[in-house]
Amino acid sequence: MTGISAYYLKLLVKTSFSHQSEVELYDSFSWIINEEEFLANAEVVCSKLRAFGYEYVVIDFLWYRKNVNGSSVDSYGYDSIDEWGRLVPDPERWPSSTNGQGFQQVSQKVHEMGLKFGIHLMGGISVESVNNNKTILDVTTGLPYEEGGKIWYAGDIGLTDMRCAWMKNGFMRVNTDLRAGRAFLRSLYQQYADWGVDFEGIKEYVDMYRITGDVWDNWNDIATHFDVARNFAAAKEIGAKGLHGNSWPDLDMLPLGLITDPGEASCAIEDFDCTLITLRLLIISRS
């Protein structure tokens, strides 16, 4: 591990025991990680890191996207979607997900290791689901959602003028003023519960929620985090009520060592790492 003292690493691990400690490997695998690779890394977390308080293994975004020519972060038409407009794992990358099983088998194997399982979620509804006008599920009946004498569809609840700024072909907001919109979100939560997901990313309804952009080995990425952390501490949101006890605002990953190409890093890596970890320790001390 480049540019970080053993003291800081041990202190970080020690002070994380009572907080959400997770391992996230996007910088190593990007979004194309598959089931075999994920479970192999979970085994490493179990054998090498669990003793130090690490308990979550989390799949980053686009677990539903096909890894084929033409697919990318903001491509369209490559996602796996069920009949109710909900994203499901790409069966080529996650073979145990076939026949409607989703992440059930993956989460079961993670739980058998003594770990907890999480997935990255994008807010809103898939653009592809809206364009294909998928039927909304009523989880109380198991049938299409019906209200006011009509069946409701994804095209009724998607806010087409409020697409994700960096994934315009991916997601748009849901109109939660409509009961049908709220019914769609309930169907998502039921799906994740059926899969055995322990960790998702909305305050009071989850254990941790993202509040900043991505963090790379760049001073500009963490400069604003001091203000964000101060504001959340002042609002007493660090360690506030969550789904399983407390909830924790997430300042993204700890990009320790050199992540970008050697000629593109904007800072001395050792100074950057120590600053990053010191901020995290200050945040923990405020909880």
C-alpha atoms as a PDB file:
ATOM      1  CA  MET A   1       0.000   0.000   0.000  1.00  0.00           C
ATOM      2  CA  THR A   2       1.731   3.139  -1.237  1.00  0.00           C
ATOM      3  CA  GLY A   3       2.244   6.299   0.784  1.00  0.00           C
ATOM      4  CA  ILE A   4       0.412   5.543   4.028  1.00  0.00           C
ATOM      5  CA  SER A   5       1.959   4.904   7.414  1.00  0.00           C
ATOM      6  CA  ALA A   6       1.141   1.779   9.403  1.00  0.00           C
ATOM      7  CA  TYR A   7       0.037   4.006  12.298  1.00  0.00           C
ATOM      8  CA  TYR A   8      -2.690   5.695  10.284  1.00  0.00           C
ATOM      9  CA  LEU A   9      -3.908   2.397   8.819  1.00  0.00           C
ATOM     10  CA  LYS A  10      -4.116   0.680  12.216  1.00  0.00           C
ATOM     11  CA  LEU A  11      -5.828   3.699  13.749  1.00  0.00           C
ATOM     12  CA  LEU A  12      -8.380   3.811  10.960  1.00  0.00           C
ATOM     13  CA  VAL A  13      -9.209   0.131  11.371  1.00  0.00           C
ATOM     14  CA  LYS A  14      -9.376   0.390  15.155  1.00  0.00           C
ATOM     15  CA  THR A  15     -11.748   3.341  15.169  1.00  0.00           C
ATOM     16  CA  SER A  16     -14.008   1.748  12.536  1.00  0.00           C
ATOM     17  CA  PHE A  17     -15.118  -1.151  14.716  1.00  0.00           C
ATOM     18  CA  SER A  18     -18.425   0.445  15.720  1.00  0.00           C
ATOM     19  CA  HIS A  19     -19.104   1.904  12.269  1.00  0.00           C
ATOM     20  CA  GLN A  20     -19.903   0.553   8.821  1.00  0.00           C
ATOM     21  CA  SER A  21     -16.677  -0.912   7.402  1.00  0.00           C
ATOM     22  CA  GLU A  22     -16.853  -2.102   3.828  1.00  0.00           C
ATOM     23  CA  VAL A  23     -14.626  -3.195   0.977  1.00  0.00           C
ATOM     24  CA  GLU A  24     -15.391  -1.757  -2.463  1.00  0.00           C
ATOM     25  CA  LEU A  25     -13.281  -2.716  -5.488  1.00  0.00           C
ATOM     26  CA  TYR A  26     -14.495  -0.477  -8.310  1.00  0.00           C
ATOM     27  CA  ASP A  27     -11.028   0.977  -8.930  1.00  0.00           C
ATOM     28  CA  SER A  28      -9.728  -2.536  -9.599  1.00  0.00           C
ATOM     29  CA  PHE A  29     -12.590  -4.036 -11.623  1.00  0.00           C
ATOM     30  CA  SER A  30     -14.679  -1.114 -12.931  1.00  0.00           C
ATOM     31  CA  TRP A  31     -18.340  -2.100 -13.462  1.00  0.00           C
ATOM     32  CA  ILE A  32     -17.597  -5.325 -15.349  1.00  0.00           C
ATOM     33  CA  ILE A  33     -16.866  -7.488 -12.293  1.00  0.00           C
ATOM     34  CA  ASN A  34     -18.614 -10.871 -12.410  1.00  0.00           C
ATOM     35  CA  GLU A  35     -19.936 -13.361  -9.867  1.00  0.00           C
ATOM     36  CA  GLU A  36     -16.797 -15.490  -9.700  1.00  0.00           C
ATOM     37  CA  GLU A  37     -14.527 -12.477  -9.170  1.00  0.00           C
ATOM     38  CA  PHE A  38     -16.807 -10.903  -6.574  1.00  0.00           C
ATOM     39  CA  LEU A  39     -17.099 -14.060  -4.465  1.00  0.00           C
ATOM     40  CA  ALA A  40     -13.325 -14.663  -4.670  1.00  0.00           C
ATOM     41  CA  ASN A  41     -12.737 -11.189  -3.244  1.00  0.00           C
ATOM     42  CA  ALA A  42     -15.374 -11.778  -0.577  1.00  0.00           C
ATOM     43  CA  GLU A  43     -13.386 -14.828   0.510  1.00  0.00           C
ATOM     44  CA  VAL A  44     -10.323 -12.614   0.926  1.00  0.00           C
ATOM     45  CA  VAL A  45     -12.287 -10.123   3.007  1.00  0.00           C
ATOM     46  CA  CYS A  46     -13.530 -12.997   5.159  1.00  0.00           C
ATOM     47  CA  SER A  47     -10.089 -14.487   5.744  1.00  0.00           C
ATOM     48  CA  LYS A  48      -7.949 -11.330   5.903  1.00  0.00           C
ATOM     49  CA  LEU A  49     -10.077  -8.338   6.915  1.00  0.00           C
ATOM     50  CA  ARG A  50     -13.085  -9.495   8.918  1.00  0.00           C
ATOM     51  CA  ALA A  51     -10.989  -9.653  12.091  1.00  0.00           C
ATOM     52  CA  PHE A  52     -10.317  -5.919  11.702  1.00  0.00           C
ATOM     53  CA  GLY A  53     -14.001  -4.968  11.617  1.00  0.00           C
ATOM     54  CA  TYR A  54     -14.739  -5.192   7.912  1.00  0.00           C
ATOM     55  CA  GLU A  55     -18.138  -6.793   7.448  1.00  0.00           C
ATOM     56  CA  TYR A  56     -19.686  -5.563   4.177  1.00  0.00           C
ATOM     57  CA  VAL A  57     -18.837  -6.501   0.594  1.00  0.00           C
ATOM     58  CA  VAL A  58     -20.629  -4.258  -1.879  1.00  0.00           C
ATOM     59  CA  ILE A  59     -21.177  -4.587  -5.632  1.00  0.00           C
ATOM     60  CA  ASP A  60     -20.785  -1.227  -7.358  1.00  0.00           C
ATOM     61  CA  PHE A  61     -23.114   0.043 -10.061  1.00  0.00           C
ATOM     62  CA  LEU A  62     -24.151  -1.425 -13.423  1.00  0.00           C
ATOM     63  CA  TRP A  63     -24.474  -4.991 -12.120  1.00  0.00           C
ATOM     64  CA  TYR A  64     -27.464  -5.164 -14.484  1.00  0.00           C
ATOM     65  CA  ARG A  65     -25.581  -4.145 -17.653  1.00  0.00           C
ATOM     66  CA  LYS A  66     -24.355  -6.578 -20.306  1.00  0.00           C
ATOM     67  CA  ASN A  67     -20.581  -6.566 -20.805  1.00  0.00           C
ATOM     68  CA  VAL A  68     -20.574  -6.650 -24.604  1.00  0.00           C
ATOM     69  CA  ASN A  69     -19.325  -4.469 -27.437  1.00  0.00           C
ATOM     70  CA  GLY A  70     -21.197  -1.173 -27.408  1.00  0.00           C
ATOM     71  CA  SER A  71     -22.104  -1.152 -23.726  1.00  0.00           C
ATOM     72  CA  SER A  72     -20.635   1.545 -21.496  1.00  0.00           C
ATOM     73  CA  VAL A  73     -21.513   3.679 -18.501  1.00  0.00           C
ATOM     74  CA  ASP A  74     -24.124   5.718 -20.387  1.00  0.00           C
ATOM     75  CA  SER A  75     -25.116   3.324 -23.154  1.00  0.00           C
ATOM     76  CA  TYR A  76     -28.745   2.438 -23.837  1.00  0.00           C
ATOM     77  CA  GLY A  77     -30.424  -0.911 -24.430  1.00  0.00           C
ATOM     78  CA  TYR A  78     -27.977  -3.205 -22.630  1.00  0.00           C
ATOM     79  CA  ASP A  79     -29.687  -3.584 -19.237  1.00  0.00           C
ATOM     80  CA  SER A  80     -31.459  -6.597 -17.755  1.00  0.00           C
ATOM     81  CA  ILE A  81     -34.958  -5.587 -16.629  1.00  0.00           C
ATOM     82  CA  ASP A  82     -37.812  -7.710 -15.269  1.00  0.00           C
ATOM     83  CA  GLU A  83     -41.486  -7.509 -16.258  1.00  0.00           C
ATOM     84  CA  TRP A  84     -42.111  -4.884 -13.536  1.00  0.00           C
ATOM     85  CA  GLY A  85     -39.480  -2.453 -14.800  1.00  0.00           C
ATOM     86  CA  ARG A  86     -36.936  -3.358 -12.114  1.00  0.00           C
ATOM     87  CA  LEU A  87     -33.266  -3.878 -12.890  1.00  0.00           C
ATOM     88  CA  VAL A  88     -31.932  -7.398 -12.322  1.00  0.00           C
ATOM     89  CA  PRO A  89     -28.370  -8.794 -12.486  1.00  0.00           C
ATOM     90  CA  ASP A  90     -26.946  -9.471 -15.929  1.00  0.00           C
ATOM     91  CA  PRO A  91     -27.213 -13.291 -16.163  1.00  0.00           C
ATOM     92  CA  GLU A  92     -23.995 -13.591 -18.176  1.00  0.00           C
ATOM     93  CA  ARG A  93     -21.949 -11.935 -15.434  1.00  0.00           C
ATOM     94  CA  TRP A  94     -24.079 -13.282 -12.566  1.00  0.00           C
ATOM     95  CA  PRO A  95     -25.127 -16.797 -13.680  1.00  0.00           C
ATOM     96  CA  SER A  96     -26.802 -17.700 -10.378  1.00  0.00           C
ATOM     97  CA  SER A  97     -29.329 -14.894 -10.989  1.00  0.00           C
ATOM     98  CA  THR A  98     -31.251 -16.768 -13.677  1.00  0.00           C
ATOM     99  CA  ASN A  99     -34.885 -17.848 -13.276  1.00  0.00           C
ATOM    100  CA  GLY A 100     -35.737 -14.767 -11.234  1.00  0.00           C
ATOM    101  CA  GLN A 101     -33.302 -15.484  -8.396  1.00  0.00           C
ATOM    102  CA  GLY A 102     -31.531 -12.146  -8.553  1.00  0.00           C
ATOM    103  CA  PHE A 103     -28.747 -11.942  -5.978  1.00  0.00           C
ATOM    104  CA  GLN A 104     -30.241 -14.570  -3.660  1.00  0.00           C
ATOM    105  CA  GLN A 105     -27.473 -17.124  -4.116  1.00  0.00           C
ATOM    106  CA  VAL A 106     -24.702 -14.536  -4.023  1.00  0.00           C
ATOM    107  CA  SER A 107     -26.008 -13.019  -0.792  1.00  0.00           C
ATOM    108  CA  GLN A 108     -26.415 -16.467   0.738  1.00  0.00           C
ATOM    109  CA  LYS A 109     -22.772 -17.314   0.018  1.00  0.00           C
ATOM    110  CA  VAL A 110     -21.656 -13.967   1.451  1.00  0.00           C
ATOM    111  CA  HIS A 111     -23.708 -14.569   4.607  1.00  0.00           C
ATOM    112  CA  GLU A 112     -22.195 -18.033   4.962  1.00  0.00           C
ATOM    113  CA  MET A 113     -18.784 -16.315   5.146  1.00  0.00           C
ATOM    114  CA  GLY A 114     -20.022 -14.298   8.107  1.00  0.00           C
ATOM    115  CA  LEU A 115     -20.180 -11.111   6.032  1.00  0.00           C
ATOM    116  CA  LYS A 116     -22.975  -8.779   4.919  1.00  0.00           C
ATOM    117  CA  PHE A 117     -23.956  -8.091   1.335  1.00  0.00           C
ATOM    118  CA  GLY A 118     -24.641  -4.780  -0.378  1.00  0.00           C
ATOM    119  CA  ILE A 119     -25.360  -3.315  -3.810  1.00  0.00           C
ATOM    120  CA  HIS A 120     -25.003   0.134  -5.344  1.00  0.00           C
ATOM    121  CA  LEU A 121     -28.286   1.761  -6.358  1.00  0.00           C
ATOM    122  CA  MET A 122     -29.037   4.608  -8.712  1.00  0.00           C
ATOM    123  CA  GLY A 123     -31.929   6.860  -7.788  1.00  0.00           C
ATOM    124  CA  GLY A 124     -35.127   6.858  -9.804  1.00  0.00           C
ATOM    125  CA  ILE A 125     -36.295   4.537 -12.560  1.00  0.00           C
ATOM    126  CA  SER A 126     -34.561   3.148 -15.641  1.00  0.00           C
ATOM    127  CA  VAL A 127     -35.047   5.188 -18.812  1.00  0.00           C
ATOM    128  CA  GLU A 128     -35.418   1.900 -20.673  1.00  0.00           C
ATOM    129  CA  SER A 129     -38.235   0.823 -18.324  1.00  0.00           C
ATOM    130  CA  VAL A 130     -40.076   4.083 -18.984  1.00  0.00           C
ATOM    131  CA  ASN A 131     -39.569   3.901 -22.744  1.00  0.00           C
ATOM    132  CA  ASN A 132     -40.853   0.312 -22.767  1.00  0.00           C
ATOM    133  CA  ASN A 133     -43.715   1.349 -20.463  1.00  0.00           C
ATOM    134  CA  LYS A 134     -43.254  -1.553 -18.057  1.00  0.00           C
ATOM    135  CA  THR A 135     -46.123  -2.441 -15.730  1.00  0.00           C
ATOM    136  CA  ILE A 136     -45.819  -1.370 -12.062  1.00  0.00           C
ATOM    137  CA  LEU A 137     -46.092  -4.112  -9.446  1.00  0.00           C
ATOM    138  CA  ASP A 138     -48.428  -3.859  -6.455  1.00  0.00           C
ATOM    139  CA  VAL A 139     -46.503  -5.766  -3.762  1.00  0.00           C
ATOM    140  CA  THR A 140     -49.647  -6.117  -1.625  1.00  0.00           C
ATOM    141  CA  THR A 141     -51.400  -8.209  -4.285  1.00  0.00           C
ATOM    142  CA  GLY A 142     -48.618  -9.483  -6.548  1.00  0.00           C
ATOM    143  CA  LEU A 143     -50.584  -8.038  -9.473  1.00  0.00           C
ATOM    144  CA  PRO A 144     -50.238  -4.920 -11.652  1.00  0.00           C
ATOM    145  CA  TYR A 145     -50.811  -1.722  -9.653  1.00  0.00           C
ATOM    146  CA  GLU A 146     -54.337  -0.462 -10.217  1.00  0.00           C
ATOM    147  CA  GLU A 147     -55.867   2.790  -9.038  1.00  0.00           C
ATOM    148  CA  GLY A 148     -58.728   4.937 -10.286  1.00  0.00           C
ATOM    149  CA  GLY A 149     -59.943   2.196 -12.588  1.00  0.00           C
ATOM    150  CA  LYS A 150     -56.681   1.949 -14.539  1.00  0.00           C
ATOM    151  CA  ILE A 151     -53.447  -0.059 -14.488  1.00  0.00           C
ATOM    152  CA  TRP A 152     -50.363   2.113 -14.045  1.00  0.00           C
ATOM    153  CA  TYR A 153     -47.157   1.883 -16.051  1.00  0.00           C
ATOM    154  CA  ALA A 154     -43.600   3.168 -15.866  1.00  0.00           C
ATOM    155  CA  GLY A 155     -44.425   5.814 -18.453  1.00  0.00           C
ATOM    156  CA  ASP A 156     -46.940   7.285 -15.994  1.00  0.00           C
ATOM    157  CA  ILE A 157     -44.426   7.853 -13.197  1.00  0.00           C
ATOM    158  CA  GLY A 158     -41.118   8.698 -14.882  1.00  0.00           C
ATOM    159  CA  LEU A 159     -40.199  12.399 -14.886  1.00  0.00           C
ATOM    160  CA  THR A 160     -38.697  12.558 -18.365  1.00  0.00           C
ATOM    161  CA  ASP A 161     -37.385  16.096 -17.914  1.00  0.00           C
ATOM    162  CA  MET A 162     -35.422  15.115 -14.796  1.00  0.00           C
ATOM    163  CA  ARG A 163     -32.849  12.625 -16.023  1.00  0.00           C
ATOM    164  CA  CYS A 164     -29.587  11.824 -14.257  1.00  0.00           C
ATOM    165  CA  ALA A 165     -27.087  14.522 -15.279  1.00  0.00           C
ATOM    166  CA  TRP A 166     -24.241  12.075 -15.954  1.00  0.00           C
ATOM    167  CA  MET A 167     -26.317   9.072 -17.094  1.00  0.00           C
ATOM    168  CA  LYS A 168     -29.043  10.600 -19.250  1.00  0.00           C
ATOM    169  CA  ASN A 169     -29.616   7.267 -20.994  1.00  0.00           C
ATOM    170  CA  GLY A 170     -29.754   5.482 -17.673  1.00  0.00           C
ATOM    171  CA  PHE A 171     -32.127   6.968 -15.106  1.00  0.00           C
ATOM    172  CA  MET A 172     -34.758   9.579 -14.422  1.00  0.00           C
ATOM    173  CA  ARG A 173     -36.615  10.630 -11.286  1.00  0.00           C
ATOM    174  CA  VAL A 174     -39.855   9.014 -10.150  1.00  0.00           C
ATOM    175  CA  ASN A 175     -42.935  11.128  -9.487  1.00  0.00           C
ATOM    176  CA  THR A 176     -43.513  10.205  -5.845  1.00  0.00           C
ATOM    177  CA  ASP A 177     -46.492  12.570  -5.634  1.00  0.00           C
ATOM    178  CA  LEU A 178     -48.324   9.727  -7.360  1.00  0.00           C
ATOM    179  CA  ARG A 179     -49.296   6.642  -5.370  1.00  0.00           C
ATOM    180  CA  ALA A 180     -48.171   4.624  -8.371  1.00  0.00           C
ATOM    181  CA  GLY A 181     -44.699   6.143  -8.066  1.00  0.00           C
ATOM    182  CA  ARG A 182     -44.510   5.150  -4.426  1.00  0.00           C
ATOM    183  CA  ALA A 183     -45.789   1.674  -5.345  1.00  0.00           C
ATOM    184  CA  PHE A 184     -42.876   1.287  -7.755  1.00  0.00           C
ATOM    185  CA  LEU A 185     -40.366   2.196  -5.050  1.00  0.00           C
ATOM    186  CA  ARG A 186     -41.982  -0.288  -2.659  1.00  0.00           C
ATOM    187  CA  SER A 187     -41.549  -2.965  -5.287  1.00  0.00           C
ATOM    188  CA  LEU A 188     -37.837  -2.142  -5.454  1.00  0.00           C
ATOM    189  CA  TYR A 189     -37.418  -2.420  -1.680  1.00  0.00           C
ATOM    190  CA  GLN A 190     -39.272  -5.739  -1.703  1.00  0.00           C
ATOM    191  CA  GLN A 191     -36.997  -7.006  -4.459  1.00  0.00           C
ATOM    192  CA  TYR A 192     -33.849  -6.121  -2.504  1.00  0.00           C
ATOM    193  CA  ALA A 193     -35.237  -7.740   0.638  1.00  0.00           C
ATOM    194  CA  ASP A 194     -36.027 -10.910  -1.313  1.00  0.00           C
ATOM    195  CA  TRP A 195     -32.438 -10.971  -2.548  1.00  0.00           C
ATOM    196  CA  GLY A 196     -31.058 -10.810   0.996  1.00  0.00           C
ATOM    197  CA  VAL A 197     -29.451  -7.395   0.571  1.00  0.00           C
ATOM    198  CA  ASP A 198     -28.180  -5.976   3.885  1.00  0.00           C
ATOM    199  CA  PHE A 199     -26.764  -2.708   2.604  1.00  0.00           C
ATOM    200  CA  GLU A 200     -28.314  -0.217   0.232  1.00  0.00           C
ATOM    201  CA  GLY A 201     -27.676   3.337  -0.227  1.00  0.00           C
ATOM    202  CA  ILE A 202     -31.504   6.526   1.867  1.00  0.00           C
ATOM    203  CA  LYS A 203     -31.186   8.044   5.258  1.00  0.00           C
ATOM    204  CA  GLU A 204     -33.395   6.445   7.958  1.00  0.00           C
ATOM    205  CA  TYR A 205     -34.087   3.563   5.574  1.00  0.00           C
ATOM    206  CA  VAL A 206     -30.506   2.364   5.152  1.00  0.00           C
ATOM    207  CA  ASP A 207     -27.248   2.136   7.064  1.00  0.00           C
ATOM    208  CA  MET A 208     -25.208   4.458   4.857  1.00  0.00           C
ATOM    209  CA  TYR A 209     -25.932   7.032   2.147  1.00  0.00           C
ATOM    210  CA  ARG A 210     -23.680   8.821  -0.318  1.00  0.00           C
ATOM    211  CA  ILE A 211     -23.309  12.599   0.039  1.00  0.00           C
ATOM    212  CA  THR A 212     -20.349  13.503  -2.226  1.00  0.00           C
ATOM    213  CA  GLY A 213     -19.035  12.831  -5.689  1.00  0.00           C
ATOM    214  CA  ASP A 214     -16.356  10.304  -6.542  1.00  0.00           C
ATOM    215  CA  VAL A 215     -12.970  10.541  -4.834  1.00  0.00           C
ATOM    216  CA  TRP A 216      -9.767   9.989  -6.796  1.00  0.00           C
ATOM    217  CA  ASP A 217      -6.182  10.899  -5.869  1.00  0.00           C
ATOM    218  CA  ASN A 218      -6.821  14.568  -6.524  1.00  0.00           C
ATOM    219  CA  TRP A 219      -6.825  17.424  -3.996  1.00  0.00           C
ATOM    220  CA  ASN A 220      -9.920  18.982  -5.536  1.00  0.00           C
ATOM    221  CA  ASP A 221     -11.905  15.832  -4.817  1.00  0.00           C
ATOM    222  CA  ILE A 222     -11.451  16.051  -1.056  1.00  0.00           C
ATOM    223  CA  ALA A 223     -11.132  19.818  -0.538  1.00  0.00           C
ATOM    224  CA  THR A 224     -14.900  20.279  -0.305  1.00  0.00           C
ATOM    225  CA  HIS A 225     -15.295  17.258   1.976  1.00  0.00           C
ATOM    226  CA  PHE A 226     -14.158  19.279   4.977  1.00  0.00           C
ATOM    227  CA  ASP A 227     -17.102  21.645   4.587  1.00  0.00           C
ATOM    228  CA  VAL A 228     -19.529  18.797   3.898  1.00  0.00           C
ATOM    229  CA  ALA A 229     -18.333  16.854   6.942  1.00  0.00           C
ATOM    230  CA  ARG A 230     -18.562  19.937   9.142  1.00  0.00           C
ATOM    231  CA  ASN A 231     -22.117  20.631   8.030  1.00  0.00           C
ATOM    232  CA  PHE A 232     -23.284  17.068   8.646  1.00  0.00           C
ATOM    233  CA  ALA A 233     -21.606  17.022  12.049  1.00  0.00           C
ATOM    234  CA  ALA A 234     -23.292  20.323  12.981  1.00  0.00           C
ATOM    235  CA  ALA A 235     -26.648  18.890  11.907  1.00  0.00           C
ATOM    236  CA  LYS A 236     -25.980  15.780  14.058  1.00  0.00           C
ATOM    237  CA  GLU A 237     -26.432  13.517  11.049  1.00  0.00           C
ATOM    238  CA  ILE A 238     -23.287  11.460  11.670  1.00  0.00           C
ATOM    239  CA  GLY A 239     -24.507   8.372  13.479  1.00  0.00           C
ATOM    240  CA  ALA A 240     -28.158   9.469  13.291  1.00  0.00           C
ATOM    241  CA  LYS A 241     -31.035   6.982  13.246  1.00  0.00           C
ATOM    242  CA  GLY A 242     -30.781   4.433  10.434  1.00  0.00           C
ATOM    243  CA  LEU A 243     -32.306   1.185   9.284  1.00  0.00           C
ATOM    244  CA  HIS A 244     -30.370  -1.132  11.604  1.00  0.00           C
ATOM    245  CA  GLY A 245     -29.490   1.344  14.348  1.00  0.00           C
ATOM    246  CA  ASN A 246     -27.321   4.201  13.098  1.00  0.00           C
ATOM    247  CA  SER A 247     -26.830   5.686   9.642  1.00  0.00           C
ATOM    248  CA  TRP A 248     -23.586   7.098   8.268  1.00  0.00           C
ATOM    249  CA  PRO A 249     -23.095   9.747   5.544  1.00  0.00           C
ATOM    250  CA  ASP A 250     -20.651   8.376   2.976  1.00  0.00           C
ATOM    251  CA  LEU A 251     -17.807  10.520   1.585  1.00  0.00           C
ATOM    252  CA  ASP A 252     -17.002   7.814  -0.997  1.00  0.00           C
ATOM    253  CA  MET A 253     -14.056   5.419  -1.019  1.00  0.00           C
ATOM    254  CA  LEU A 254     -10.561   5.643   0.449  1.00  0.00           C
ATOM    255  CA  PRO A 255      -8.421   5.747  -2.727  1.00  0.00           C
ATOM    256  CA  LEU A 256      -5.175   4.875  -0.951  1.00  0.00           C
ATOM    257  CA  GLY A 257      -2.061   4.809  -3.084  1.00  0.00           C
ATOM    258  CA  LEU A 258      -1.838   5.795  -6.743  1.00  0.00           C
ATOM    259  CA  ILE A 259      -5.161   5.381  -8.570  1.00  0.00           C
ATOM    260  CA  THR A 260      -4.771   7.586 -11.650  1.00  0.00           C
ATOM    261  CA  ASP A 261      -1.961   7.303 -14.175  1.00  0.00           C
ATOM    262  CA  PRO A 262       1.391   8.301 -12.589  1.00  0.00           C
ATOM    263  CA  GLY A 263       1.698  11.454 -14.685  1.00  0.00           C
ATOM    264  CA  GLU A 264      -1.838  12.654 -13.883  1.00  0.00           C
ATOM    265  CA  ALA A 265      -1.847  12.661 -10.066  1.00  0.00           C
ATOM    266  CA  SER A 266      -2.259  16.214  -8.753  1.00  0.00           C
ATOM    267  CA  CYS A 267      -0.687  15.673  -5.339  1.00  0.00           C
ATOM    268  CA  ALA A 268       1.983  13.924  -3.309  1.00  0.00           C
ATOM    269  CA  ILE A 269       0.333  10.574  -2.589  1.00  0.00           C
ATOM    270  CA  GLU A 270       1.583  10.241   1.003  1.00  0.00           C
ATOM    271  CA  ASP A 271       0.293  13.713   1.927  1.00  0.00           C
ATOM    272  CA  PHE A 272      -3.013  13.029   0.192  1.00  0.00           C
ATOM    273  CA  ASP A 273      -3.519   9.681   1.955  1.00  0.00           C
ATOM    274  CA  CYS A 274      -2.727  11.076   5.386  1.00  0.00           C
ATOM    275  CA  THR A 275      -5.078  14.035   4.836  1.00  0.00           C
ATOM    276  CA  LEU A 276      -7.853  11.754   3.640  1.00  0.00           C
ATOM    277  CA  ILE A 277      -7.582   9.408   6.608  1.00  0.00           C
ATOM    278  CA  THR A 278      -7.183  12.227   9.136  1.00  0.00           C
ATOM    279  CA  LEU A 279     -10.485  13.692   7.908  1.00  0.00           C
ATOM    280  CA  ARG A 280     -12.184  10.308   8.322  1.00  0.00           C
ATOM    281  CA  LEU A 281     -10.869  10.013  11.880  1.00  0.00           C
ATOM    282  CA  LEU A 282     -12.103  13.502  12.715  1.00  0.00           C
ATOM    283  CA  ILE A 283     -15.547  12.547  11.390  1.00  0.00           C
ATOM    284  CA  ILE A 284     -15.636   9.390  13.498  1.00  0.00           C
ATOM    285  CA  SER A 285     -14.644  11.368  16.567  1.00  0.00           C
ATOM    286  CA  ARG A 286     -17.724  13.569  16.085  1.00  0.00           C
ATOM    287  CA  SER A 287     -20.181  10.661  16.048  1.00  0.00           C
END
